[in-house]
Amino acid sequence: MARPRKLVSLIEATVPLLQRHLLIDAIDVTPMTGDVPVIEVGFPEVDRLPIYITDAGSQLLCISYLWRDADVKARRRGKLLETLLDLNPSVPLSSFGRVGEHFVLFGALSPQATPEDMALELATLSDNGRDALATLSDFLV
């Protein structure tokens, strides 16, 4: 069972550390309504993907949406999937996956993660998302 108040307080304590990791001034933290409590961490002043965080009970999940299926060049789809599998082991603290029609980059932490742990995960996931978009742009329309 998700613990939204604990997650919100963890993220709030994480923001100043994350700002230092990424060398940015503004980070938006927005609780999302729905069946599963999710917090969006956004970067309004820089070109970084938002990160969505939820407490799944046994782990804290952090996800960035990279692109949709429709954004992939049809003739390059097979090579993209092979490339993602090849890259997975070398992407620190993150993994490629799919959620519905979205390609994602995700990471997970223990529910006992500290703000320092969360800041490192979010900074790494954000950097990996930027790198993935730059590296894999040839596969996208």
Protein backbone atom coordinates (compact mmCIF):
# COMPACT_ATOMS: atom_id res chain seq x y z
CA MET A 1 0.00 0.00 0.00
CA ALA A 2 1.38 3.38 -1.02
CA ARG A 3 2.25 5.94 1.63
CA PRO A 4 1.75 9.28 -0.15
CA ARG A 5 2.63 11.55 2.80
CA LYS A 6 5.92 9.76 3.43
CA LEU A 7 6.78 9.91 -0.27
CA VAL A 8 5.96 13.63 -0.48
CA SER A 9 8.15 14.41 2.53
CA LEU A 10 11.00 12.30 1.06
CA ILE A 11 10.79 14.16 -2.25
CA GLU A 12 10.63 17.55 -0.53
CA ALA A 13 13.79 16.70 1.43
CA THR A 14 15.41 15.48 -1.79
CA VAL A 15 14.86 18.65 -3.87
CA PRO A 16 17.74 20.77 -2.46
CA LEU A 17 20.15 17.85 -2.89
CA LEU A 18 18.90 17.21 -6.43
CA GLN A 19 19.35 20.89 -7.29
CA ARG A 20 22.99 20.62 -6.23
CA HIS A 21 23.52 17.39 -8.20
CA LEU A 22 22.06 18.87 -11.39
CA LEU A 23 23.28 22.43 -10.84
CA ILE A 24 19.80 23.89 -11.43
CA ASP A 25 17.66 26.36 -9.52
CA ALA A 26 14.08 25.27 -10.19
CA ILE A 27 12.47 21.90 -9.57
CA ASP A 28 8.69 21.47 -9.48
CA VAL A 29 7.13 18.78 -7.29
CA THR A 30 3.52 18.00 -8.19
CA PRO A 31 1.39 15.26 -6.59
CA MET A 32 -0.73 13.59 -9.28
CA THR A 33 -4.24 12.39 -8.50
CA GLY A 34 -5.37 8.90 -9.40
CA ASP A 35 -5.74 5.37 -8.12
CA VAL A 36 -2.01 5.15 -7.43
CA PRO A 37 -0.33 8.14 -5.75
CA VAL A 38 2.36 9.53 -8.04
CA ILE A 39 4.60 12.55 -7.68
CA GLU A 40 5.90 14.35 -10.76
CA VAL A 41 9.32 15.96 -10.46
CA GLY A 42 9.72 18.51 -13.23
CA PHE A 43 12.53 20.74 -14.40
CA PRO A 44 10.85 23.88 -15.79
CA GLU A 45 13.93 25.92 -16.67
CA VAL A 46 16.05 23.20 -18.31
CA ASP A 47 15.66 20.59 -21.02
CA ARG A 48 15.14 17.52 -18.83
CA LEU A 49 12.38 14.93 -18.82
CA PRO A 50 9.95 14.87 -15.90
CA ILE A 51 10.32 11.95 -13.52
CA TYR A 52 7.32 10.20 -11.97
CA ILE A 53 7.74 8.55 -8.58
CA THR A 54 5.43 6.17 -6.76
CA ASP A 55 5.65 4.01 -3.67
CA ALA A 56 4.86 0.42 -4.68
CA GLY A 57 5.22 -0.84 -1.12
CA SER A 58 8.31 -2.99 -1.58
CA GLN A 59 10.09 -0.35 -3.66
CA LEU A 60 9.99 3.26 -4.80
CA LEU A 61 9.66 3.39 -8.59
CA CYS A 62 11.03 6.30 -10.63
CA ILE A 63 10.04 6.53 -14.31
CA SER A 64 10.79 8.92 -17.19
CA TYR A 65 8.81 8.61 -20.39
CA LEU A 66 11.18 8.76 -23.37
CA TRP A 67 8.98 8.42 -26.47
CA ARG A 68 5.88 6.64 -27.81
CA ASP A 69 5.74 3.65 -30.15
CA ALA A 70 4.46 6.00 -32.85
CA ASP A 71 7.69 8.03 -32.59
CA VAL A 72 9.86 5.09 -33.68
CA LYS A 73 10.84 4.77 -37.35
CA ALA A 74 9.11 1.55 -38.42
CA ARG A 75 12.07 0.26 -40.45
CA ARG A 76 14.45 0.83 -37.47
CA ARG A 77 12.25 -0.67 -34.74
CA GLY A 78 14.05 -4.03 -34.53
CA LYS A 79 17.46 -2.39 -34.36
CA LEU A 80 16.21 0.03 -31.68
CA LEU A 81 14.97 -2.84 -29.50
CA GLU A 82 18.28 -4.65 -29.92
CA THR A 83 20.19 -1.47 -29.08
CA LEU A 84 18.11 -0.90 -25.93
CA LEU A 85 18.85 -4.44 -24.75
CA ASP A 86 22.54 -3.94 -25.45
CA LEU A 87 22.58 -0.61 -23.60
CA ASN A 88 20.67 -1.79 -20.52
CA PRO A 89 23.69 -3.18 -18.61
CA SER A 90 25.74 -0.02 -19.17
CA VAL A 91 23.12 2.52 -18.03
CA PRO A 92 23.89 3.13 -14.34
CA LEU A 93 20.99 2.84 -11.89
CA SER A 94 18.44 2.80 -14.73
CA SER A 95 16.82 0.34 -17.12
CA PHE A 96 14.89 0.66 -20.36
CA GLY A 97 11.37 -0.71 -20.51
CA ARG A 98 7.88 -0.12 -21.85
CA VAL A 99 4.70 1.02 -20.18
CA GLY A 100 1.76 0.71 -22.56
CA GLU A 101 2.75 2.56 -25.73
CA HIS A 102 5.63 4.41 -24.07
CA PHE A 103 9.31 3.57 -23.97
CA VAL A 104 10.59 4.46 -20.51
CA LEU A 105 13.69 4.66 -18.42
CA PHE A 106 13.21 3.58 -14.83
CA GLY A 107 14.95 2.98 -11.56
CA ALA A 108 13.91 1.63 -8.19
CA LEU A 109 14.92 2.24 -4.60
CA SER A 110 14.19 0.73 -1.24
CA PRO A 111 11.23 2.26 0.63
CA GLN A 112 13.80 3.14 3.31
CA ALA A 113 15.78 5.28 0.84
CA THR A 114 17.22 8.48 2.24
CA PRO A 115 16.93 11.87 0.54
CA GLU A 116 20.56 11.42 -0.54
CA ASP A 117 19.71 8.06 -2.14
CA MET A 118 16.70 9.57 -3.91
CA ALA A 119 18.68 12.59 -5.14
CA LEU A 120 21.34 10.31 -6.65
CA GLU A 121 18.69 8.13 -8.32
CA LEU A 122 16.78 11.11 -9.76
CA ALA A 123 19.93 12.89 -10.96
CA THR A 124 21.21 9.72 -12.61
CA LEU A 125 17.84 8.94 -14.18
CA SER A 126 17.58 12.50 -15.49
CA ASP A 127 21.09 12.38 -16.97
CA ASN A 128 20.45 8.94 -18.47
CA GLY A 129 17.21 10.20 -20.04
CA ARG A 130 19.02 13.08 -21.72
CA ASP A 131 21.74 10.74 -22.94
CA ALA A 132 19.19 8.21 -24.25
CA LEU A 133 17.32 10.84 -26.25
CA ALA A 134 20.54 12.15 -27.77
CA THR A 135 22.03 8.72 -28.47
CA LEU A 136 18.87 7.12 -29.88
CA SER A 137 17.43 10.05 -31.84
CA ASP A 138 18.32 8.37 -35.18
CA PHE A 139 15.67 5.74 -34.43
CA LEU A 140 12.91 8.32 -33.98
CA VAL A 141 10.77 10.24 -36.47
